[in-house]
Amino acid sequence: MNAFTRKNITKTTLGLVASGALIFSLAACSMDSGTSTDTSSSSSSTSSEPSAASTPAASIADLSNGVDTQVAVDQSFVDAITSLGLTPGVVGTATFTDGTFAFPITGGNVDYYGPDSDVRPYVQGEIDHDGSGLSLTSADGTVVELTDFRIDPGESKLYGTVTANGTVAAEDAYLFNLWGGTLKPIQMEGSNAVLEGTTVHISPDAASLLNQTFKTDAVQDEMLVGVAKITAATE
């Protein structure tokens, strides 16, 4: 378990993945708002399931090829964690290098129907990160682990398993919001497609759970964690 310090952490990258036309469409259409709750891809008020006649404009049936989700935490989040006397670390296959967490993408799928379709949300699927995560350890030895992240691009939310001192406290818990208002245009790095700029925020559920576990009120709902970067293997 590797800890990070206030000195070497300056920003966050958190990735969801797609490829080719789909990842460009995610950048241009589904994550262009300032919040996760008012994007056209995540609107619950007009939600409709795909009919038998609905055909995705783009689809990735298997995301197991690529690459990872990275997180380099914003200084404001570091300050909040430090004020609680918590030491963050990595779990499983996650790594932490030069202020950046990396969580390997292990699977999932994405279908993109488009804003002009009658399907809502028009980006559907999930991006899995099994076997990795991050931990928070308090001075009294309490250890909370957030693992097995699952990103839902239709909801612009990240879910995961929460474990406290080795005991599962919640499965598929709503942990983070993803806000796409600052998302940058797609970039290519070799055969990998890269998106970055989405901000990542603590969910109300995670804030409540962490406050209860560590007996504090310092973890605020929608606290900024950092800025997202999405890296996808396109072949």
Protein backbone atom coordinates (compact mmCIF):
# COMPACT_ATOMS: atom_id res chain seq x y z
CA MET A 1 0.00 0.00 0.00
CA ASN A 2 1.62 3.20 -1.22
CA ALA A 3 0.77 6.52 0.41
CA PHE A 4 0.78 9.92 -1.24
CA THR A 5 1.69 13.29 0.22
CA ARG A 6 0.49 16.87 -0.16
CA LYS A 7 3.73 17.82 -1.92
CA ASN A 8 3.49 15.50 -4.91
CA ILE A 9 -0.21 15.69 -5.72
CA THR A 10 -1.48 18.56 -7.81
CA LYS A 11 -4.41 17.39 -9.93
CA THR A 12 -6.73 14.45 -10.78
CA THR A 13 -7.23 12.19 -13.72
CA LEU A 14 -10.08 9.73 -13.78
CA GLY A 15 -10.83 7.80 -16.93
CA LEU A 16 -13.73 6.24 -18.63
CA VAL A 17 -13.07 4.54 -21.91
CA ALA A 18 -14.37 4.39 -25.46
CA SER A 19 -12.90 4.26 -28.94
CA GLY A 20 -13.13 5.77 -32.41
CA ALA A 21 -16.39 7.56 -33.20
CA LEU A 22 -17.92 6.60 -29.84
CA ILE A 23 -15.29 8.29 -27.71
CA PHE A 24 -15.49 11.39 -29.90
CA SER A 25 -19.27 11.44 -29.49
CA LEU A 26 -18.95 11.15 -25.74
CA ALA A 27 -16.60 14.14 -25.79
CA ALA A 28 -18.74 16.27 -28.06
CA CYS A 29 -22.24 15.43 -26.90
CA SER A 30 -22.83 13.52 -23.72
CA MET A 31 -20.47 15.33 -21.33
CA ASP A 32 -20.80 18.98 -22.36
CA SER A 33 -22.62 20.30 -19.31
CA GLY A 34 -21.36 21.69 -16.05
CA THR A 35 -22.95 18.93 -13.98
CA SER A 36 -23.57 15.24 -14.29
CA THR A 37 -27.27 15.56 -13.67
CA ASP A 38 -28.23 17.78 -16.59
CA THR A 39 -26.36 16.14 -19.47
CA SER A 40 -28.42 14.81 -22.33
CA SER A 41 -26.91 11.35 -21.86
CA SER A 42 -27.93 11.09 -18.22
CA SER A 43 -31.43 12.54 -18.21
CA SER A 44 -33.70 10.31 -16.15
CA SER A 45 -36.88 12.25 -16.95
CA THR A 46 -36.82 11.08 -20.61
CA SER A 47 -35.33 7.65 -19.99
CA SER A 48 -36.39 4.95 -22.47
CA GLU A 49 -35.07 1.50 -23.16
CA PRO A 50 -33.82 0.67 -26.66
CA SER A 51 -36.50 -0.99 -28.78
CA ALA A 52 -35.82 -4.01 -30.93
CA ALA A 53 -35.50 -1.63 -33.88
CA SER A 54 -32.98 0.65 -32.12
CA THR A 55 -29.45 0.27 -33.43
CA PRO A 56 -26.50 2.02 -31.73
CA ALA A 57 -24.64 4.51 -33.91
CA ALA A 58 -21.46 3.11 -32.36
CA SER A 59 -20.82 0.21 -30.03
CA ILE A 60 -17.95 -1.40 -28.11
CA ALA A 61 -18.96 -4.86 -26.96
CA ASP A 62 -15.79 -5.56 -24.97
CA LEU A 63 -13.63 -2.99 -23.17
CA SER A 64 -11.16 -5.50 -21.75
CA ASN A 65 -8.38 -4.25 -24.04
CA GLY A 66 -7.92 -0.94 -22.71
CA VAL A 67 -6.06 0.79 -20.83
CA ASP A 68 -6.66 2.35 -17.45
CA THR A 69 -8.35 5.03 -15.38
CA GLN A 70 -5.92 7.45 -13.76
CA VAL A 71 -6.43 9.74 -10.79
CA ALA A 72 -4.05 12.47 -9.58
CA VAL A 73 -5.82 14.18 -6.71
CA ASP A 74 -6.60 17.91 -6.53
CA GLN A 75 -4.89 19.87 -3.75
CA SER A 76 -8.22 20.80 -2.13
CA PHE A 77 -9.01 17.12 -1.68
CA VAL A 78 -5.52 16.48 -0.32
CA ASP A 79 -6.06 19.25 2.23
CA ALA A 80 -9.37 17.73 3.33
CA ILE A 81 -7.86 14.24 3.70
CA THR A 82 -4.88 15.64 5.59
CA SER A 83 -7.17 17.50 7.99
CA LEU A 84 -8.73 14.16 8.90
CA GLY A 85 -5.35 12.54 9.57
CA LEU A 86 -5.96 9.98 6.81
CA THR A 87 -3.30 8.22 4.75
CA PRO A 88 -4.44 7.19 1.25
CA GLY A 89 -3.02 4.18 -0.54
CA VAL A 90 -3.67 1.74 -3.37
CA VAL A 91 -5.37 -1.67 -3.39
CA GLY A 92 -4.84 -4.67 -5.68
CA THR A 93 -3.59 -3.84 -9.17
CA ALA A 94 -3.91 -0.06 -8.71
CA THR A 95 -0.71 1.99 -8.78
CA PHE A 96 0.32 5.45 -7.62
CA THR A 97 3.14 7.27 -9.44
CA ASP A 98 4.09 10.96 -9.36
CA GLY A 99 0.77 12.00 -7.85
CA THR A 100 -1.36 9.86 -10.16
CA PHE A 101 -3.45 6.81 -9.33
CA ALA A 102 -4.01 4.25 -12.11
CA PHE A 103 -6.84 1.70 -12.09
CA PRO A 104 -6.69 -0.88 -14.93
CA ILE A 105 -9.83 -1.20 -17.04
CA THR A 106 -10.87 -4.86 -16.97
CA GLY A 107 -14.05 -4.97 -19.03
CA GLY A 108 -17.46 -3.57 -19.80
CA ASN A 109 -19.25 -2.31 -22.89
CA VAL A 110 -20.66 0.92 -24.31
CA ASP A 111 -23.47 1.65 -26.79
CA TYR A 112 -23.92 5.12 -28.29
CA TYR A 113 -27.33 5.95 -29.81
CA GLY A 114 -26.91 9.72 -30.21
CA PRO A 115 -28.87 12.79 -29.12
CA ASP A 116 -31.17 12.59 -32.15
CA SER A 117 -32.34 9.08 -31.29
CA ASP A 118 -35.40 8.27 -29.19
CA VAL A 119 -33.25 6.33 -26.70
CA ARG A 120 -32.42 7.94 -23.35
CA PRO A 121 -29.84 7.97 -21.94
CA TYR A 122 -28.26 7.89 -25.39
CA VAL A 123 -24.90 6.63 -24.03
CA GLN A 124 -25.35 3.32 -22.20
CA GLY A 125 -23.11 0.62 -20.76
CA GLU A 126 -20.44 0.31 -18.09
CA ILE A 127 -16.67 0.41 -17.63
CA ASP A 128 -15.26 -2.05 -15.10
CA HIS A 129 -12.13 -1.85 -12.95
CA ASP A 130 -12.16 -5.13 -11.02
CA GLY A 131 -9.40 -5.98 -8.56
CA SER A 132 -8.14 -2.48 -7.86
CA GLY A 133 -9.01 0.57 -5.79
CA LEU A 134 -7.84 3.03 -3.18
CA SER A 135 -7.70 3.00 0.61
CA LEU A 136 -7.95 5.53 3.44
CA THR A 137 -6.27 4.68 6.75
CA SER A 138 -6.84 6.71 9.90
CA ALA A 139 -4.39 7.27 12.75
CA ASP A 140 -6.30 4.77 14.93
CA GLY A 141 -5.90 2.05 12.29
CA THR A 142 -9.35 2.19 10.69
CA VAL A 143 -9.01 1.24 7.02
CA VAL A 144 -11.65 2.00 4.40
CA GLU A 145 -11.14 0.58 0.90
CA LEU A 146 -12.99 1.72 -2.23
CA THR A 147 -12.57 -0.95 -4.92
CA ASP A 148 -13.95 -2.57 -8.08
CA PHE A 149 -14.96 0.71 -9.67
CA ARG A 150 -17.79 0.68 -12.22
CA ILE A 151 -18.41 3.75 -14.35
CA ASP A 152 -21.90 4.27 -15.77
CA PRO A 153 -21.54 6.73 -18.68
CA GLY A 154 -25.32 7.15 -19.00
CA GLU A 155 -25.60 8.36 -15.40
CA SER A 156 -22.16 10.05 -15.30
CA LYS A 157 -21.56 8.24 -12.00
CA LEU A 158 -18.92 5.91 -10.57
CA TYR A 159 -19.87 3.00 -8.29
CA GLY A 160 -17.75 0.63 -6.22
CA THR A 161 -17.39 -1.69 -3.22
CA VAL A 162 -16.75 -0.14 0.20
CA THR A 163 -14.89 -2.20 2.80
CA ALA A 164 -14.23 -1.10 6.39
CA ASN A 165 -11.55 -3.01 8.32
CA GLY A 166 -11.95 -5.99 6.02
CA THR A 167 -15.76 -6.13 6.22
CA VAL A 168 -17.85 -5.17 3.19
CA ALA A 169 -19.96 -2.15 4.13
CA ALA A 170 -21.59 -1.59 0.73
CA GLU A 171 -21.50 -3.13 -2.74
CA ASP A 172 -22.00 -1.16 -5.94
CA ALA A 173 -22.17 2.01 -3.83
CA TYR A 174 -22.52 5.40 -5.53
CA LEU A 175 -19.09 6.98 -4.89
CA PHE A 176 -18.37 9.79 -7.37
CA ASN A 177 -20.07 12.20 -9.78
CA LEU A 178 -18.45 12.92 -13.16
CA TRP A 179 -19.03 16.45 -14.53
CA GLY A 180 -18.16 16.99 -18.18
CA GLY A 181 -18.30 20.77 -18.56
CA THR A 182 -14.52 21.13 -18.87
CA LEU A 183 -13.90 18.09 -21.07
CA LYS A 184 -11.22 18.68 -23.76
CA PRO A 185 -11.36 17.43 -27.37
CA ILE A 186 -10.21 13.89 -28.06
CA GLN A 187 -6.47 13.25 -28.39
CA MET A 188 -4.72 10.21 -29.86
CA GLU A 189 -1.64 8.64 -28.28
CA GLY A 190 -0.62 5.93 -30.71
CA SER A 191 -3.65 3.65 -30.99
CA ASN A 192 -5.11 4.90 -27.70
CA ALA A 193 -7.85 7.53 -27.57
CA VAL A 194 -7.58 9.95 -24.66
CA LEU A 195 -10.15 12.26 -23.09
CA GLU A 196 -9.43 14.53 -20.16
CA GLY A 197 -11.00 17.43 -18.33
CA THR A 198 -14.05 15.91 -16.64
CA THR A 199 -14.16 16.91 -12.97
CA VAL A 200 -14.74 14.25 -10.33
CA HIS A 201 -16.75 14.93 -7.17
CA ILE A 202 -17.59 13.03 -3.98
CA SER A 203 -21.15 11.71 -4.08
CA PRO A 204 -23.58 12.44 -1.23
CA ASP A 205 -23.64 8.73 -0.39
CA ALA A 206 -19.84 8.50 -0.15
CA ALA A 207 -19.60 11.73 1.87
CA SER A 208 -22.12 10.41 4.39
CA LEU A 209 -20.43 7.02 4.68
CA LEU A 210 -16.92 8.46 5.13
CA ASN A 211 -18.13 10.99 7.70
CA GLN A 212 -19.85 8.25 9.69
CA THR A 213 -16.87 5.92 9.51
CA PHE A 214 -14.28 8.52 10.52
CA LYS A 215 -16.60 10.42 12.91
CA THR A 216 -16.31 13.78 11.18
CA ASP A 217 -18.25 16.22 9.03
CA ALA A 218 -15.26 17.33 6.94
CA VAL A 219 -16.16 15.33 3.81
CA GLN A 220 -18.62 17.52 1.94
CA ASP A 221 -21.15 16.40 -0.66
CA GLU A 222 -19.80 17.26 -4.17
CA MET A 223 -16.30 17.95 -2.82
CA LEU A 224 -13.92 18.22 -5.77
CA VAL A 225 -11.59 15.26 -6.09
CA GLY A 226 -9.94 16.27 -9.33
CA VAL A 227 -10.09 16.23 -13.14
CA ALA A 228 -10.75 13.22 -15.36
CA LYS A 229 -8.58 11.69 -18.05
CA ILE A 230 -9.93 8.84 -20.18
CA THR A 231 -7.55 6.47 -21.93
CA ALA A 232 -8.95 3.85 -24.35
CA ALA A 233 -7.30 1.11 -26.37
CA THR A 234 -8.89 1.29 -29.84
CA GLU A 235 -7.40 -1.98 -31.05
